[in-house]
Amino acid sequence: QAFMHEQLGDYDRAAELYRQAIDAMRQPTEATDVYGASATYSARDLYNAGKHLGDMLLRQARSFEAAQDEGEHLDGVRARYKEAARAYEETLEREYMGNPVQTASAANNLGIALIKAGEYEEAIEVLKTVVDPYSDAPSAWKTPPVPDENNPIFRLNLGWAYELNG
């Protein structure tokens, strides 16, 4: 349902449903589907719900930012990007048992959210983890990303953070 709302552009409802899915997966014995059966999920499901929640919050922040006049409500804009960043951080701070989960996408999007929140040095540290195999991920990240030195998007975002940081 959350993905359907995401595709329809109903980001508020999608974000709400992703939050509900994450809560249900955190307490799977409590979760049931509409027919009353026990819910089953994989590590990848939990990762995707967390990452997509961050994506919805990032889109909401972009929409809010676009609706502002030049420089208007800058603190509110940055706060919305920080909320998206926190969703990505929580996704990276989870431990994923079972199927291996590649977290580079969440880490990259975390970097983008931090850039948009004006947290350039933090963004650089995060984006290094998706580009530089010798960069250490924060210790709170239970599933650090596997760096991809050749991904042009990751390098572009890291360069953007460096540029904005001076």
N, C-alpha and C. Protein backbone atom coordinates (compact mmCIF):
# COMPACT_ATOMS: atom_id res chain seq x y z
N GLN A 1 0.83 -1.19 0.00
CA GLN A 1 0.00 0.00 0.00
C GLN A 1 0.87 1.25 0.00
N ALA A 2 1.93 1.25 0.79
CA ALA A 2 2.79 2.42 0.86
C ALA A 2 3.41 2.70 -0.50
N PHE A 3 3.89 1.65 -1.16
CA PHE A 3 4.51 1.83 -2.47
C PHE A 3 3.50 2.36 -3.48
N MET A 4 2.25 1.89 -3.40
CA MET A 4 1.20 2.37 -4.29
C MET A 4 0.98 3.87 -4.08
N HIS A 5 0.88 4.29 -2.83
CA HIS A 5 0.70 5.72 -2.54
C HIS A 5 1.91 6.53 -2.99
N GLU A 6 3.09 5.95 -2.85
CA GLU A 6 4.31 6.62 -3.32
C GLU A 6 4.23 6.85 -4.83
N GLN A 7 3.82 5.82 -5.57
CA GLN A 7 3.73 5.93 -7.03
C GLN A 7 2.65 6.92 -7.45
N LEU A 8 1.62 7.08 -6.64
CA LEU A 8 0.54 8.03 -6.94
C LEU A 8 0.90 9.46 -6.52
N GLY A 9 2.05 9.63 -5.89
CA GLY A 9 2.47 10.96 -5.46
C GLY A 9 1.86 11.39 -4.14
N ASP A 10 1.21 10.49 -3.43
CA ASP A 10 0.63 10.78 -2.13
C ASP A 10 1.68 10.47 -1.06
N TYR A 11 2.68 11.36 -0.95
CA TYR A 11 3.84 11.10 -0.11
C TYR A 11 3.52 11.11 1.37
N ASP A 12 2.54 11.91 1.78
CA ASP A 12 2.17 11.93 3.20
C ASP A 12 1.65 10.56 3.63
N ARG A 13 0.72 10.01 2.85
CA ARG A 13 0.13 8.70 3.17
C ARG A 13 1.18 7.60 3.05
N ALA A 14 2.03 7.69 2.02
CA ALA A 14 3.08 6.69 1.85
C ALA A 14 4.01 6.69 3.06
N ALA A 15 4.43 7.87 3.51
CA ALA A 15 5.32 7.96 4.68
C ALA A 15 4.66 7.35 5.91
N GLU A 16 3.38 7.65 6.10
CA GLU A 16 2.65 7.11 7.24
C GLU A 16 2.61 5.57 7.18
N LEU A 17 2.35 5.03 6.00
CA LEU A 17 2.29 3.57 5.85
C LEU A 17 3.66 2.92 6.00
N TYR A 18 4.72 3.57 5.51
CA TYR A 18 6.06 3.03 5.72
C TYR A 18 6.41 3.01 7.21
N ARG A 19 6.01 4.04 7.93
CA ARG A 19 6.25 4.06 9.39
C ARG A 19 5.51 2.89 10.06
N GLN A 20 4.26 2.66 9.64
CA GLN A 20 3.48 1.56 10.20
C GLN A 20 4.14 0.22 9.88
N ALA A 21 4.64 0.07 8.67
CA ALA A 21 5.30 -1.18 8.28
C ALA A 21 6.55 -1.42 9.12
N ILE A 22 7.33 -0.37 9.33
CA ILE A 22 8.54 -0.50 10.16
C ILE A 22 8.16 -0.90 11.58
N ASP A 23 7.15 -0.26 12.13
CA ASP A 23 6.70 -0.60 13.48
C ASP A 23 6.25 -2.06 13.55
N ALA A 24 5.51 -2.51 12.54
CA ALA A 24 5.02 -3.89 12.53
C ALA A 24 6.19 -4.87 12.42
N MET A 25 7.20 -4.53 11.64
CA MET A 25 8.34 -5.43 11.49
C MET A 25 9.22 -5.44 12.73
N ARG A 26 9.19 -4.37 13.49
CA ARG A 26 9.97 -4.35 14.74
C ARG A 26 9.34 -5.28 15.77
N GLN A 27 8.02 -5.48 15.68
CA GLN A 27 7.31 -6.36 16.60
C GLN A 27 6.51 -7.37 15.77
N PRO A 28 7.19 -8.28 15.08
CA PRO A 28 6.51 -9.17 14.15
C PRO A 28 5.49 -10.09 14.79
N THR A 29 5.64 -10.42 16.07
CA THR A 29 4.66 -11.30 16.70
C THR A 29 3.33 -10.59 16.85
N GLU A 30 3.36 -9.28 16.88
CA GLU A 30 2.15 -8.48 17.02
C GLU A 30 1.50 -8.21 15.66
N ALA A 31 2.29 -8.32 14.60
CA ALA A 31 1.82 -7.92 13.28
C ALA A 31 1.01 -9.02 12.62
N THR A 32 -0.07 -8.63 12.02
CA THR A 32 -0.88 -9.57 11.24
C THR A 32 -1.32 -8.88 9.97
N ASP A 33 -1.60 -9.68 8.97
CA ASP A 33 -2.13 -9.08 7.75
C ASP A 33 -3.65 -8.92 7.89
N VAL A 34 -4.30 -8.46 6.84
CA VAL A 34 -5.74 -8.18 6.93
C VAL A 34 -6.57 -9.43 7.16
N TYR A 35 -5.99 -10.62 6.93
CA TYR A 35 -6.73 -11.86 7.14
C TYR A 35 -6.43 -12.51 8.48
N GLY A 36 -5.57 -11.87 9.28
CA GLY A 36 -5.27 -12.39 10.60
C GLY A 36 -4.11 -13.36 10.66
N ALA A 37 -3.45 -13.60 9.56
CA ALA A 37 -2.29 -14.50 9.56
C ALA A 37 -1.06 -13.76 10.08
N SER A 38 -0.09 -14.52 10.56
CA SER A 38 1.15 -13.90 11.02
C SER A 38 1.88 -13.26 9.85
N ALA A 39 2.41 -12.10 10.10
CA ALA A 39 3.17 -11.40 9.07
C ALA A 39 4.56 -11.99 8.97
N THR A 40 5.06 -12.11 7.76
CA THR A 40 6.43 -12.52 7.54
C THR A 40 7.11 -11.43 6.73
N TYR A 41 8.41 -11.25 6.98
CA TYR A 41 9.15 -10.24 6.25
C TYR A 41 10.61 -10.66 6.22
N SER A 42 11.34 -10.05 5.32
CA SER A 42 12.77 -10.32 5.24
C SER A 42 13.54 -9.08 5.67
N ALA A 43 14.84 -9.25 5.82
CA ALA A 43 15.70 -8.11 6.15
C ALA A 43 15.58 -7.05 5.07
N ARG A 44 15.47 -7.49 3.83
CA ARG A 44 15.35 -6.56 2.71
C ARG A 44 14.06 -5.74 2.82
N ASP A 45 12.97 -6.35 3.29
CA ASP A 45 11.71 -5.62 3.47
C ASP A 45 11.88 -4.49 4.48
N LEU A 46 12.55 -4.80 5.59
CA LEU A 46 12.75 -3.78 6.63
C LEU A 46 13.64 -2.66 6.10
N TYR A 47 14.70 -3.03 5.39
CA TYR A 47 15.58 -2.00 4.80
C TYR A 47 14.79 -1.13 3.82
N ASN A 48 14.04 -1.77 2.93
CA ASN A 48 13.30 -1.00 1.92
C ASN A 48 12.26 -0.08 2.55
N ALA A 49 11.58 -0.54 3.59
CA ALA A 49 10.61 0.32 4.26
C ALA A 49 11.30 1.55 4.86
N GLY A 50 12.44 1.34 5.50
CA GLY A 50 13.17 2.46 6.09
C GLY A 50 13.70 3.41 5.04
N LYS A 51 14.28 2.86 3.97
CA LYS A 51 14.83 3.70 2.91
C LYS A 51 13.72 4.47 2.21
N HIS A 52 12.61 3.80 1.92
CA HIS A 52 11.51 4.50 1.25
C HIS A 52 10.88 5.55 2.16
N LEU A 53 10.85 5.33 3.46
CA LEU A 53 10.38 6.37 4.37
C LEU A 53 11.27 7.60 4.22
N GLY A 54 12.57 7.40 4.22
CA GLY A 54 13.49 8.51 4.00
C GLY A 54 13.24 9.19 2.67
N ASP A 55 12.99 8.39 1.63
CA ASP A 55 12.71 8.95 0.30
C ASP A 55 11.46 9.84 0.32
N MET A 56 10.42 9.37 1.03
CA MET A 56 9.19 10.16 1.08
C MET A 56 9.43 11.47 1.84
N LEU A 57 10.17 11.40 2.92
CA LEU A 57 10.46 12.61 3.69
C LEU A 57 11.34 13.57 2.89
N LEU A 58 12.24 13.03 2.10
CA LEU A 58 13.07 13.85 1.22
C LEU A 58 12.22 14.54 0.17
N ARG A 59 11.28 13.82 -0.41
CA ARG A 59 10.38 14.42 -1.40
C ARG A 59 9.49 15.48 -0.77
N GLN A 60 9.01 15.21 0.44
CA GLN A 60 8.20 16.21 1.12
C GLN A 60 9.02 17.47 1.40
N ALA A 61 10.26 17.30 1.80
CA ALA A 61 11.13 18.45 2.05
C ALA A 61 11.36 19.24 0.77
N ARG A 62 11.58 18.54 -0.35
CA ARG A 62 11.77 19.22 -1.63
C ARG A 62 10.52 20.01 -2.02
N SER A 63 9.36 19.41 -1.83
CA SER A 63 8.10 20.09 -2.15
C SER A 63 7.92 21.33 -1.29
N PHE A 64 8.20 21.18 0.00
CA PHE A 64 8.09 22.32 0.91
C PHE A 64 9.06 23.42 0.49
N GLU A 65 10.29 23.04 0.17
CA GLU A 65 11.29 24.01 -0.26
C GLU A 65 10.85 24.72 -1.53
N ALA A 66 10.30 23.99 -2.48
CA ALA A 66 9.87 24.58 -3.75
C ALA A 66 8.71 25.55 -3.56
N ALA A 67 7.91 25.35 -2.52
CA ALA A 67 6.76 26.20 -2.28
C ALA A 67 7.13 27.51 -1.58
N GLN A 68 8.38 27.63 -1.14
CA GLN A 68 8.81 28.83 -0.42
C GLN A 68 9.34 29.87 -1.41
N ASP A 69 9.18 31.13 -1.03
CA ASP A 69 9.84 32.19 -1.80
C ASP A 69 11.32 32.13 -1.50
N GLU A 70 12.13 32.80 -2.29
CA GLU A 70 13.59 32.77 -2.14
C GLU A 70 14.01 33.01 -0.70
N GLY A 71 14.61 31.97 -0.09
CA GLY A 71 15.15 32.11 1.26
C GLY A 71 14.12 32.10 2.38
N GLU A 72 12.85 32.01 2.04
CA GLU A 72 11.79 32.04 3.05
C GLU A 72 11.77 30.72 3.84
N HIS A 73 11.58 30.81 5.11
CA HIS A 73 11.45 29.64 6.00
C HIS A 73 12.63 28.69 5.87
N LEU A 74 13.84 29.23 5.78
CA LEU A 74 15.03 28.41 5.61
C LEU A 74 15.18 27.41 6.75
N ASP A 75 14.88 27.83 7.97
CA ASP A 75 14.98 26.91 9.11
C ASP A 75 14.00 25.75 8.97
N GLY A 76 12.78 26.04 8.51
CA GLY A 76 11.79 24.99 8.31
C GLY A 76 12.19 24.02 7.20
N VAL A 77 12.79 24.55 6.15
CA VAL A 77 13.26 23.71 5.04
C VAL A 77 14.35 22.78 5.55
N ARG A 78 15.32 23.35 6.25
CA ARG A 78 16.42 22.53 6.77
C ARG A 78 15.93 21.49 7.76
N ALA A 79 14.95 21.84 8.57
CA ALA A 79 14.41 20.88 9.55
C ALA A 79 13.77 19.69 8.84
N ARG A 80 13.10 19.95 7.73
CA ARG A 80 12.48 18.85 6.98
C ARG A 80 13.53 17.93 6.37
N TYR A 81 14.61 18.52 5.87
CA TYR A 81 15.70 17.69 5.34
C TYR A 81 16.38 16.90 6.46
N LYS A 82 16.49 17.50 7.64
CA LYS A 82 17.07 16.78 8.77
C LYS A 82 16.19 15.61 9.18
N GLU A 83 14.87 15.76 9.06
CA GLU A 83 13.96 14.66 9.36
C GLU A 83 14.19 13.50 8.39
N ALA A 84 14.37 13.83 7.12
CA ALA A 84 14.66 12.79 6.12
C ALA A 84 16.00 12.13 6.45
N ALA A 85 17.00 12.93 6.81
CA ALA A 85 18.31 12.39 7.16
C ALA A 85 18.19 11.42 8.33
N ARG A 86 17.39 11.77 9.31
CA ARG A 86 17.23 10.89 10.48
C ARG A 86 16.62 9.55 10.08
N ALA A 87 15.67 9.55 9.14
CA ALA A 87 15.08 8.29 8.69
C ALA A 87 16.14 7.40 8.02
N TYR A 88 17.00 8.01 7.22
CA TYR A 88 18.08 7.23 6.60
C TYR A 88 19.07 6.73 7.64
N GLU A 89 19.39 7.57 8.62
CA GLU A 89 20.30 7.15 9.69
C GLU A 89 19.73 5.95 10.44
N GLU A 90 18.45 6.00 10.77
CA GLU A 90 17.82 4.88 11.47
C GLU A 90 17.86 3.62 10.63
N THR A 91 17.73 3.77 9.31
CA THR A 91 17.81 2.62 8.42
C THR A 91 19.21 2.01 8.47
N LEU A 92 20.23 2.84 8.50
CA LEU A 92 21.61 2.35 8.53
C LEU A 92 22.00 1.82 9.92
N GLU A 93 21.28 2.23 10.93
CA GLU A 93 21.59 1.80 12.30
C GLU A 93 20.93 0.46 12.65
N ARG A 94 20.13 -0.08 11.73
CA ARG A 94 19.47 -1.37 11.98
C ARG A 94 20.38 -2.51 11.58
N GLU A 95 20.21 -3.62 12.26
CA GLU A 95 20.93 -4.83 11.89
C GLU A 95 19.98 -5.68 11.05
N TYR A 96 20.47 -6.15 9.93
CA TYR A 96 19.64 -6.93 9.01
C TYR A 96 20.12 -8.38 9.00
N MET A 97 19.34 -9.22 9.61
CA MET A 97 19.66 -10.65 9.65
C MET A 97 19.14 -11.30 8.38
N GLY A 98 19.72 -12.41 8.02
CA GLY A 98 19.23 -13.14 6.85
C GLY A 98 19.88 -12.65 5.57
N ASN A 99 19.07 -12.24 4.62
CA ASN A 99 19.57 -11.80 3.32
C ASN A 99 20.50 -10.61 3.48
N PRO A 100 21.64 -10.65 2.78
CA PRO A 100 22.50 -9.46 2.84
C PRO A 100 21.80 -8.27 2.20
N VAL A 101 21.95 -7.13 2.81
CA VAL A 101 21.31 -5.91 2.33
C VAL A 101 22.40 -4.91 1.97
N GLN A 102 22.33 -4.35 0.78
CA GLN A 102 23.28 -3.34 0.33
C GLN A 102 22.70 -1.97 0.69
N THR A 103 23.39 -1.23 1.53
CA THR A 103 22.86 0.01 2.08
C THR A 103 23.42 1.27 1.43
N ALA A 104 24.13 1.14 0.32
CA ALA A 104 24.75 2.31 -0.31
C ALA A 104 23.72 3.35 -0.73
N SER A 105 22.57 2.92 -1.19
CA SER A 105 21.54 3.87 -1.62
C SER A 105 21.05 4.72 -0.45
N ALA A 106 20.81 4.10 0.70
CA ALA A 106 20.38 4.86 1.87
C ALA A 106 21.47 5.82 2.32
N ALA A 107 22.73 5.37 2.29
CA ALA A 107 23.83 6.24 2.70
C ALA A 107 23.98 7.42 1.74
N ASN A 108 23.85 7.16 0.44
CA ASN A 108 23.92 8.25 -0.54
C ASN A 108 22.80 9.26 -0.31
N ASN A 109 21.59 8.77 -0.11
CA ASN A 109 20.46 9.66 0.11
C ASN A 109 20.58 10.41 1.43
N LEU A 110 21.18 9.77 2.43
CA LEU A 110 21.47 10.46 3.69
C LEU A 110 22.39 11.63 3.41
N GLY A 111 23.42 11.40 2.60
CA GLY A 111 24.34 12.48 2.24
C GLY A 111 23.63 13.63 1.56
N ILE A 112 22.71 13.32 0.65
CA ILE A 112 21.94 14.37 -0.05
C ILE A 112 21.09 15.15 0.94
N ALA A 113 20.41 14.44 1.84
CA ALA A 113 19.56 15.12 2.84
C ALA A 113 20.41 16.04 3.72
N LEU A 114 21.61 15.58 4.09
CA LEU A 114 22.49 16.42 4.91
C LEU A 114 22.98 17.64 4.14
N ILE A 115 23.27 17.47 2.86
CA ILE A 115 23.66 18.62 2.03
C ILE A 115 22.53 19.65 2.04
N LYS A 116 21.33 19.20 1.77
CA LYS A 116 20.18 20.11 1.70
C LYS A 116 19.85 20.72 3.07
N ALA A 117 20.25 20.04 4.14
CA ALA A 117 20.04 20.58 5.49
C ALA A 117 21.16 21.54 5.89
N GLY A 118 22.16 21.70 5.01
CA GLY A 118 23.26 22.60 5.29
C GLY A 118 24.35 21.99 6.15
N GLU A 119 24.33 20.68 6.33
CA GLU A 119 25.31 19.96 7.15
C GLU A 119 26.39 19.38 6.24
N TYR A 120 27.21 20.24 5.65
CA TYR A 120 28.13 19.82 4.59
C TYR A 120 29.23 18.88 5.08
N GLU A 121 29.83 19.17 6.22
CA GLU A 121 30.91 18.30 6.71
C GLU A 121 30.39 16.91 7.04
N GLU A 122 29.20 16.84 7.65
CA GLU A 122 28.59 15.54 7.92
C GLU A 122 28.30 14.81 6.62
N ALA A 123 27.80 15.54 5.62
CA ALA A 123 27.50 14.94 4.32
C ALA A 123 28.76 14.36 3.69
N ILE A 124 29.86 15.08 3.79
CA ILE A 124 31.13 14.59 3.23
C ILE A 124 31.52 13.28 3.89
N GLU A 125 31.44 13.23 5.22
CA GLU A 125 31.81 12.00 5.93
C GLU A 125 30.93 10.83 5.52
N VAL A 126 29.64 11.08 5.35
CA VAL A 126 28.72 10.02 4.94
C VAL A 126 29.00 9.60 3.50
N LEU A 127 29.15 10.56 2.61
CA LEU A 127 29.33 10.23 1.20
C LEU A 127 30.68 9.57 0.92
N LYS A 128 31.66 9.82 1.74
CA LYS A 128 32.94 9.10 1.60
C LYS A 128 32.73 7.60 1.74
N THR A 129 31.80 7.20 2.60
CA THR A 129 31.59 5.77 2.85
C THR A 129 31.06 5.02 1.63
N VAL A 130 30.45 5.73 0.69
CA VAL A 130 29.93 5.05 -0.51
C VAL A 130 30.91 5.12 -1.67
N VAL A 131 32.02 5.86 -1.50
CA VAL A 131 33.00 6.03 -2.57
C VAL A 131 34.36 5.45 -2.21
N ASP A 132 34.80 5.69 -0.99
CA ASP A 132 36.17 5.37 -0.57
C ASP A 132 36.21 4.08 0.24
N PRO A 133 36.85 3.04 -0.27
CA PRO A 133 36.90 1.78 0.48
C PRO A 133 37.69 1.87 1.78
N TYR A 134 38.47 2.95 1.95
CA TYR A 134 39.27 3.11 3.17
C TYR A 134 38.59 4.02 4.19
N SER A 135 37.41 4.50 3.87
CA SER A 135 36.67 5.36 4.78
C SER A 135 35.86 4.51 5.75
N ASP A 136 35.90 4.85 7.00
CA ASP A 136 35.15 4.11 8.01
C ASP A 136 33.76 4.68 8.17
N ALA A 137 32.78 3.80 8.17
CA ALA A 137 31.40 4.21 8.42
C ALA A 137 31.24 4.48 9.91
N PRO A 138 30.27 5.33 10.28
CA PRO A 138 30.02 5.56 11.71
C PRO A 138 29.76 4.25 12.44
N SER A 139 30.22 4.16 13.65
CA SER A 139 30.09 2.91 14.41
C SER A 139 28.62 2.55 14.68
N ALA A 140 27.72 3.52 14.64
CA ALA A 140 26.31 3.25 14.88
C ALA A 140 25.66 2.49 13.72
N TRP A 141 26.28 2.52 12.55
CA TRP A 141 25.72 1.84 11.39
C TRP A 141 25.98 0.34 11.52
N LYS A 142 24.92 -0.42 11.65
CA LYS A 142 25.06 -1.87 11.81
C LYS A 142 25.36 -2.56 10.49
N THR A 143 24.94 -1.96 9.37
CA THR A 143 25.18 -2.53 8.05
C THR A 143 25.77 -1.45 7.16
N PRO A 144 27.09 -1.23 7.25
CA PRO A 144 27.71 -0.17 6.45
C PRO A 144 27.64 -0.50 4.96
N PRO A 145 27.62 0.54 4.12
CA PRO A 145 27.56 0.30 2.68
C PRO A 145 28.87 -0.25 2.14
N VAL A 146 28.76 -0.97 1.04
CA VAL A 146 29.95 -1.40 0.32
C VAL A 146 30.29 -0.28 -0.65
N PRO A 147 31.47 0.33 -0.53
CA PRO A 147 31.82 1.46 -1.40
C PRO A 147 31.89 1.05 -2.87
N ASP A 148 31.47 1.97 -3.73
CA ASP A 148 31.55 1.79 -5.17
C ASP A 148 32.35 2.96 -5.72
N GLU A 149 33.64 2.75 -5.89
CA GLU A 149 34.54 3.81 -6.31
C GLU A 149 34.21 4.37 -7.69
N ASN A 150 33.48 3.61 -8.49
CA ASN A 150 33.23 4.01 -9.87
C ASN A 150 31.82 4.54 -10.12
N ASN A 151 31.02 4.65 -9.09
CA ASN A 151 29.65 5.14 -9.28
C ASN A 151 29.70 6.67 -9.47
N PRO A 152 29.33 7.15 -10.66
CA PRO A 152 29.45 8.60 -10.90
C PRO A 152 28.49 9.43 -10.05
N ILE A 153 27.35 8.90 -9.72
CA ILE A 153 26.39 9.65 -8.89
C ILE A 153 26.95 9.85 -7.49
N PHE A 154 27.51 8.78 -6.92
CA PHE A 154 28.09 8.90 -5.58
C PHE A 154 29.21 9.93 -5.58
N ARG A 155 30.07 9.89 -6.61
CA ARG A 155 31.18 10.84 -6.71
C ARG A 155 30.67 12.27 -6.92
N LEU A 156 29.64 12.41 -7.74
CA LEU A 156 29.05 13.73 -7.99
C LEU A 156 28.52 14.33 -6.69
N ASN A 157 27.81 13.53 -5.92
CA ASN A 157 27.25 14.03 -4.66
C ASN A 157 28.35 14.39 -3.66
N LEU A 158 29.41 13.58 -3.61
CA LEU A 158 30.53 13.90 -2.73
C LEU A 158 31.18 15.21 -3.18
N GLY A 159 31.37 15.38 -4.48
CA GLY A 159 31.93 16.63 -4.99
C GLY A 159 31.05 17.82 -4.69
N TRP A 160 29.75 17.64 -4.79
CA TRP A 160 28.78 18.70 -4.48
C TRP A 160 28.94 19.12 -3.02
N ALA A 161 29.07 18.14 -2.13
CA ALA A 161 29.25 18.45 -0.70
C ALA A 161 30.55 19.21 -0.47
N TYR A 162 31.62 18.78 -1.11
CA TYR A 162 32.91 19.49 -0.98
C TYR A 162 32.78 20.92 -1.50
N GLU A 163 32.14 21.07 -2.63
CA GLU A 163 31.98 22.42 -3.22
C GLU A 163 31.20 23.34 -2.29
N LEU A 164 30.09 22.86 -1.76
CA LEU A 164 29.27 23.68 -0.87
C LEU A 164 29.98 23.97 0.46
N ASN A 165 30.88 23.08 0.85
CA ASN A 165 31.62 23.28 2.09
C ASN A 165 32.81 24.21 1.89
N GLY A 166 33.05 24.61 0.65
CA GLY A 166 34.15 25.53 0.37
C GLY A 166 35.44 24.82 0.12
